[in-house]
Amino acid sequence: MTNETAAQSEPELKPETEEPQNGRAGLEEEGEIAADYLEELLDIADLDGDIDIDVDHGRAAVAVVTEDSDDGLDSLVGKKGEVLDALQELTRLAVQAKTGDRSRLMLDVAGFRNNRRQELTTLAEEAIAQVRENGEDAALKPMNPFERKVVHDAVAAAGLVSDSEGAEPNRHVVIRAGS
């Protein structure tokens, strides 16, 4: 995986195997702080949802879920996940205000990021097959930092190399045919 420069909405992405600075206990604390923040937000917005906390790939992972139809949480996702991205940043800032450390917390609402991860993995696999078949680099459409990371991980798992090029909001992944 190629290191990607930090974007406005995403701190520098580190390899998933790297040991977190503050350990699992610190990540669990981040999750608890984020959960408290999100519970207050859900109360203010009069939305129903449960908070799941986990540690995934060296990051605190927090999800807002509901047993009912996810329609009520759609307002927290927004068009193409734009509201979710903003809510994630606000949640990270709330965690940072309490801990004093920058958070790399990942937030999901109503399974949006999980579903998007699956879509992007499929897209990446198709692009990888195309690169292998025709031997030419493949440039994908612009993506946010989360989306680019999913693609970079899929490309690395396939044994190829990828880079992020361009400036926000047109930053995109290029899958390289050969080194």
C-alpha atoms as a PDB file:
ATOM      1  CA  MET A   1       0.000   0.000   0.000  1.00  0.00           C
ATOM      2  CA  THR A   2       1.284   3.422  -0.853  1.00  0.00           C
ATOM      3  CA  ASN A   3       1.177   6.027   1.902  1.00  0.00           C
ATOM      4  CA  GLU A   4      -1.418   8.641   1.181  1.00  0.00           C
ATOM      5  CA  THR A   5      -0.912  12.218   2.251  1.00  0.00           C
ATOM      6  CA  ALA A   6      -3.270  13.445   4.918  1.00  0.00           C
ATOM      7  CA  ALA A   7      -6.477  14.963   3.634  1.00  0.00           C
ATOM      8  CA  GLN A   8      -8.572  17.508   5.448  1.00  0.00           C
ATOM      9  CA  SER A   9     -11.032  14.936   6.731  1.00  0.00           C
ATOM     10  CA  GLU A  10      -8.641  12.061   7.377  1.00  0.00           C
ATOM     11  CA  PRO A  11      -5.373  11.854   9.296  1.00  0.00           C
ATOM     12  CA  GLU A  12      -2.465  10.021   7.680  1.00  0.00           C
ATOM     13  CA  LEU A  13      -3.423   6.414   7.177  1.00  0.00           C
ATOM     14  CA  LYS A  14      -1.055   3.945   8.802  1.00  0.00           C
ATOM     15  CA  PRO A  15      -0.605   0.276   7.939  1.00  0.00           C
ATOM     16  CA  GLU A  16      -3.235  -1.881   9.603  1.00  0.00           C
ATOM     17  CA  THR A  17      -0.600  -4.027  11.279  1.00  0.00           C
ATOM     18  CA  GLU A  18       1.004  -1.120  13.146  1.00  0.00           C
ATOM     19  CA  GLU A  19       0.517  -1.255  16.904  1.00  0.00           C
ATOM     20  CA  PRO A  20      -1.671   1.647  18.102  1.00  0.00           C
ATOM     21  CA  GLN A  21       0.100   4.339  20.093  1.00  0.00           C
ATOM     22  CA  ASN A  22      -2.192   4.169  23.096  1.00  0.00           C
ATOM     23  CA  GLY A  23      -2.990   0.408  22.971  1.00  0.00           C
ATOM     24  CA  ARG A  24      -6.310  -1.373  23.032  1.00  0.00           C
ATOM     25  CA  ALA A  25      -7.380   0.213  26.334  1.00  0.00           C
ATOM     26  CA  GLY A  26      -6.861   3.685  24.896  1.00  0.00           C
ATOM     27  CA  LEU A  27      -8.837   2.775  21.786  1.00  0.00           C
ATOM     28  CA  GLU A  28     -11.653   1.381  23.915  1.00  0.00           C
ATOM     29  CA  GLU A  29     -11.640   4.667  25.868  1.00  0.00           C
ATOM     30  CA  GLU A  30     -11.928   6.570  22.565  1.00  0.00           C
ATOM     31  CA  GLY A  31     -14.904   4.394  21.672  1.00  0.00           C
ATOM     32  CA  GLU A  32     -16.593   5.079  25.010  1.00  0.00           C
ATOM     33  CA  ILE A  33     -16.103   8.847  24.665  1.00  0.00           C
ATOM     34  CA  ALA A  34     -17.421   8.728  21.107  1.00  0.00           C
ATOM     35  CA  ALA A  35     -20.426   6.648  22.213  1.00  0.00           C
ATOM     36  CA  ASP A  36     -21.308   9.195  24.907  1.00  0.00           C
ATOM     37  CA  TYR A  37     -21.061  12.016  22.360  1.00  0.00           C
ATOM     38  CA  LEU A  38     -23.190  10.160  19.812  1.00  0.00           C
ATOM     39  CA  GLU A  39     -25.822   9.172  22.385  1.00  0.00           C
ATOM     40  CA  GLU A  40     -26.279  12.847  23.257  1.00  0.00           C
ATOM     41  CA  LEU A  41     -26.575  13.683  19.569  1.00  0.00           C
ATOM     42  CA  LEU A  42     -29.191  10.959  19.026  1.00  0.00           C
ATOM     43  CA  ASP A  43     -31.171  12.298  21.997  1.00  0.00           C
ATOM     44  CA  ILE A  44     -31.044  15.873  20.675  1.00  0.00           C
ATOM     45  CA  ALA A  45     -32.076  14.736  17.183  1.00  0.00           C
ATOM     46  CA  ASP A  46     -34.763  12.437  18.675  1.00  0.00           C
ATOM     47  CA  LEU A  47     -33.399   9.457  16.739  1.00  0.00           C
ATOM     48  CA  ASP A  48     -33.390   5.851  17.902  1.00  0.00           C
ATOM     49  CA  GLY A  49     -30.199   3.889  17.661  1.00  0.00           C
ATOM     50  CA  ASP A  50     -27.820   1.711  19.603  1.00  0.00           C
ATOM     51  CA  ILE A  51     -24.079   2.259  19.780  1.00  0.00           C
ATOM     52  CA  ASP A  52     -21.662  -0.615  19.110  1.00  0.00           C
ATOM     53  CA  ILE A  53     -18.019  -0.131  20.095  1.00  0.00           C
ATOM     54  CA  ASP A  54     -15.110  -2.211  18.813  1.00  0.00           C
ATOM     55  CA  VAL A  55     -11.417  -1.986  17.952  1.00  0.00           C
ATOM     56  CA  ASP A  56     -10.725  -2.747  14.300  1.00  0.00           C
ATOM     57  CA  HIS A  57      -7.362  -2.580  12.498  1.00  0.00           C
ATOM     58  CA  GLY A  58      -5.777  -0.469  15.230  1.00  0.00           C
ATOM     59  CA  ARG A  59      -8.650   2.042  15.383  1.00  0.00           C
ATOM     60  CA  ALA A  60     -11.618   2.599  17.602  1.00  0.00           C
ATOM     61  CA  ALA A  61     -14.683   1.616  15.592  1.00  0.00           C
ATOM     62  CA  VAL A  62     -18.089   2.940  16.572  1.00  0.00           C
ATOM     63  CA  ALA A  63     -21.342   2.097  14.829  1.00  0.00           C
ATOM     64  CA  VAL A  64     -24.818   3.534  15.239  1.00  0.00           C
ATOM     65  CA  VAL A  65     -27.300   0.748  14.516  1.00  0.00           C
ATOM     66  CA  THR A  66     -31.006   0.110  14.883  1.00  0.00           C
ATOM     67  CA  GLU A  67     -33.161  -2.990  14.796  1.00  0.00           C
ATOM     68  CA  ASP A  68     -35.892  -1.126  12.947  1.00  0.00           C
ATOM     69  CA  SER A  69     -35.664   0.203   9.427  1.00  0.00           C
ATOM     70  CA  ASP A  70     -32.532   2.329   9.040  1.00  0.00           C
ATOM     71  CA  ASP A  71     -34.595   5.104   7.438  1.00  0.00           C
ATOM     72  CA  GLY A  72     -34.479   7.169  10.629  1.00  0.00           C
ATOM     73  CA  LEU A  73     -30.685   7.165  10.571  1.00  0.00           C
ATOM     74  CA  ASP A  74     -30.453   8.177   6.898  1.00  0.00           C
ATOM     75  CA  SER A  75     -30.224  11.813   7.946  1.00  0.00           C
ATOM     76  CA  LEU A  76     -26.961  10.962   9.754  1.00  0.00           C
ATOM     77  CA  VAL A  77     -25.528   9.404   6.584  1.00  0.00           C
ATOM     78  CA  GLY A  78     -26.580  11.999   3.996  1.00  0.00           C
ATOM     79  CA  LYS A  79     -26.005  11.922   0.275  1.00  0.00           C
ATOM     80  CA  LYS A  80     -22.998   9.717  -0.549  1.00  0.00           C
ATOM     81  CA  GLY A  81     -22.059   9.635   3.148  1.00  0.00           C
ATOM     82  CA  GLU A  82     -21.232  13.349   3.330  1.00  0.00           C
ATOM     83  CA  VAL A  83     -23.080  13.885   6.622  1.00  0.00           C
ATOM     84  CA  LEU A  84     -21.454  10.736   8.015  1.00  0.00           C
ATOM     85  CA  ASP A  85     -18.003  12.079   7.108  1.00  0.00           C
ATOM     86  CA  ALA A  86     -18.762  15.347   8.918  1.00  0.00           C
ATOM     87  CA  LEU A  87     -20.225  13.526  11.919  1.00  0.00           C
ATOM     88  CA  GLN A  88     -17.105  11.350  12.088  1.00  0.00           C
ATOM     89  CA  GLU A  89     -14.921  14.474  12.188  1.00  0.00           C
ATOM     90  CA  LEU A  90     -17.049  16.038  14.926  1.00  0.00           C
ATOM     91  CA  THR A  91     -16.884  12.801  16.909  1.00  0.00           C
ATOM     92  CA  ARG A  92     -13.096  12.666  16.485  1.00  0.00           C
ATOM     93  CA  LEU A  93     -12.872  16.252  17.742  1.00  0.00           C
ATOM     94  CA  ALA A  94     -15.011  15.374  20.774  1.00  0.00           C
ATOM     95  CA  VAL A  95     -12.665  12.478  21.545  1.00  0.00           C
ATOM     96  CA  GLN A  96      -9.610  14.695  21.059  1.00  0.00           C
ATOM     97  CA  ALA A  97     -11.064  17.328  23.397  1.00  0.00           C
ATOM     98  CA  LYS A  98     -11.343  14.685  26.162  1.00  0.00           C
ATOM     99  CA  THR A  99      -8.108  12.759  25.568  1.00  0.00           C
ATOM    100  CA  GLY A 100      -5.803  15.420  24.188  1.00  0.00           C
ATOM    101  CA  ASP A 101      -4.753  13.015  21.418  1.00  0.00           C
ATOM    102  CA  ARG A 102      -5.808  12.994  17.779  1.00  0.00           C
ATOM    103  CA  SER A 103      -8.273  10.201  17.098  1.00  0.00           C
ATOM    104  CA  ARG A 104      -8.388   7.918  14.047  1.00  0.00           C
ATOM    105  CA  LEU A 105     -11.806   6.635  15.085  1.00  0.00           C
ATOM    106  CA  MET A 106     -13.962   5.144  12.339  1.00  0.00           C
ATOM    107  CA  LEU A 107     -17.700   5.795  12.504  1.00  0.00           C
ATOM    108  CA  ASP A 108     -20.418   3.866  10.701  1.00  0.00           C
ATOM    109  CA  VAL A 109     -24.133   4.628  10.687  1.00  0.00           C
ATOM    110  CA  ALA A 110     -26.785   2.118   9.625  1.00  0.00           C
ATOM    111  CA  GLY A 111     -24.130  -0.068   7.975  1.00  0.00           C
ATOM    112  CA  PHE A 112     -23.360   2.557   5.307  1.00  0.00           C
ATOM    113  CA  ARG A 113     -19.556   2.226   5.487  1.00  0.00           C
ATOM    114  CA  ASN A 114     -19.688  -1.568   5.688  1.00  0.00           C
ATOM    115  CA  ASN A 115     -21.884  -1.738   2.568  1.00  0.00           C
ATOM    116  CA  ARG A 116     -19.690   0.818   0.806  1.00  0.00           C
ATOM    117  CA  ARG A 117     -16.560  -1.197   1.720  1.00  0.00           C
ATOM    118  CA  GLN A 118     -18.067  -4.240  -0.020  1.00  0.00           C
ATOM    119  CA  GLU A 119     -18.970  -2.192  -3.124  1.00  0.00           C
ATOM    120  CA  LEU A 120     -15.484  -0.676  -3.286  1.00  0.00           C
ATOM    121  CA  THR A 121     -13.777  -4.030  -2.857  1.00  0.00           C
ATOM    122  CA  THR A 122     -15.751  -5.336  -5.829  1.00  0.00           C
ATOM    123  CA  LEU A 123     -14.866  -2.216  -7.847  1.00  0.00           C
ATOM    124  CA  ALA A 124     -11.185  -2.611  -6.935  1.00  0.00           C
ATOM    125  CA  GLU A 125     -11.181  -6.292  -7.901  1.00  0.00           C
ATOM    126  CA  GLU A 126     -12.672  -5.432 -11.315  1.00  0.00           C
ATOM    127  CA  ALA A 127     -10.071  -2.698 -11.860  1.00  0.00           C
ATOM    128  CA  ILE A 128      -7.262  -5.044 -10.764  1.00  0.00           C
ATOM    129  CA  ALA A 129      -8.433  -7.649 -13.284  1.00  0.00           C
ATOM    130  CA  GLN A 130      -8.495  -4.963 -15.997  1.00  0.00           C
ATOM    131  CA  VAL A 131      -4.956  -3.802 -15.141  1.00  0.00           C
ATOM    132  CA  ARG A 132      -3.674  -7.386 -15.231  1.00  0.00           C
ATOM    133  CA  GLU A 133      -5.458  -8.086 -18.515  1.00  0.00           C
ATOM    134  CA  ASN A 134      -4.404  -5.013 -20.508  1.00  0.00           C
ATOM    135  CA  GLY A 135      -1.184  -4.076 -18.684  1.00  0.00           C
ATOM    136  CA  GLU A 136      -2.194  -0.396 -18.362  1.00  0.00           C
ATOM    137  CA  ASP A 137      -2.650   1.764 -15.271  1.00  0.00           C
ATOM    138  CA  ALA A 138      -6.252   2.287 -14.194  1.00  0.00           C
ATOM    139  CA  ALA A 139      -7.447   5.585 -12.705  1.00  0.00           C
ATOM    140  CA  LEU A 140     -10.608   5.363 -10.632  1.00  0.00           C
ATOM    141  CA  LYS A 141     -13.130   8.121 -10.014  1.00  0.00           C
ATOM    142  CA  PRO A 142     -12.566  10.587  -7.151  1.00  0.00           C
ATOM    143  CA  MET A 143     -13.129   9.167  -3.677  1.00  0.00           C
ATOM    144  CA  ASN A 144     -12.989  10.317  -0.091  1.00  0.00           C
ATOM    145  CA  PRO A 145     -10.117   9.116   2.166  1.00  0.00           C
ATOM    146  CA  PHE A 146     -12.079   6.163   3.577  1.00  0.00           C
ATOM    147  CA  GLU A 147     -12.942   4.942   0.089  1.00  0.00           C
ATOM    148  CA  ARG A 148      -9.383   5.350  -1.182  1.00  0.00           C
ATOM    149  CA  LYS A 149      -8.029   3.365   1.771  1.00  0.00           C
ATOM    150  CA  VAL A 150     -10.395   0.481   1.039  1.00  0.00           C
ATOM    151  CA  VAL A 151      -9.178   0.422  -2.581  1.00  0.00           C
ATOM    152  CA  HIS A 152      -5.487   0.713  -1.587  1.00  0.00           C
ATOM    153  CA  ASP A 153      -5.933  -2.237   0.804  1.00  0.00           C
ATOM    154  CA  ALA A 154      -7.580  -4.378  -1.903  1.00  0.00           C
ATOM    155  CA  VAL A 155      -4.837  -3.502  -4.400  1.00  0.00           C
ATOM    156  CA  ALA A 156      -2.089  -4.318  -1.887  1.00  0.00           C
ATOM    157  CA  ALA A 157      -3.775  -7.637  -1.052  1.00  0.00           C
ATOM    158  CA  ALA A 158      -3.722  -8.466  -4.774  1.00  0.00           C
ATOM    159  CA  GLY A 159       0.028  -7.778  -4.900  1.00  0.00           C
ATOM    160  CA  LEU A 160      -0.199  -4.608  -6.988  1.00  0.00           C
ATOM    161  CA  VAL A 161       0.687  -0.990  -6.243  1.00  0.00           C
ATOM    162  CA  SER A 162      -1.605   2.021  -6.108  1.00  0.00           C
ATOM    163  CA  ASP A 163      -1.214   5.734  -5.514  1.00  0.00           C
ATOM    164  CA  SER A 164      -3.564   8.581  -4.728  1.00  0.00           C
ATOM    165  CA  GLU A 165      -3.327  11.495  -7.138  1.00  0.00           C
ATOM    166  CA  GLY A 166      -4.935  14.894  -7.414  1.00  0.00           C
ATOM    167  CA  ALA A 167      -6.298  17.311  -4.863  1.00  0.00           C
ATOM    168  CA  GLU A 168      -9.556  17.173  -2.933  1.00  0.00           C
ATOM    169  CA  PRO A 169     -12.311  16.843  -3.995  1.00  0.00           C
ATOM    170  CA  ASN A 170     -10.874  15.198  -7.122  1.00  0.00           C
ATOM    171  CA  ARG A 171      -8.322  12.979  -5.357  1.00  0.00           C
ATOM    172  CA  HIS A 172      -8.456   9.485  -6.844  1.00  0.00           C
ATOM    173  CA  VAL A 173      -6.679   6.126  -6.848  1.00  0.00           C
ATOM    174  CA  VAL A 174      -4.470   4.972  -9.710  1.00  0.00           C
ATOM    175  CA  ILE A 175      -3.719   1.256  -9.849  1.00  0.00           C
ATOM    176  CA  ARG A 176      -0.300   0.684 -11.390  1.00  0.00           C
ATOM    177  CA  ALA A 177       0.272  -1.997 -14.024  1.00  0.00           C
ATOM    178  CA  GLY A 178       3.943  -2.471 -13.238  1.00  0.00           C
ATOM    179  CA  SER A 179       6.794  -1.037 -11.255  1.00  0.00           C
END
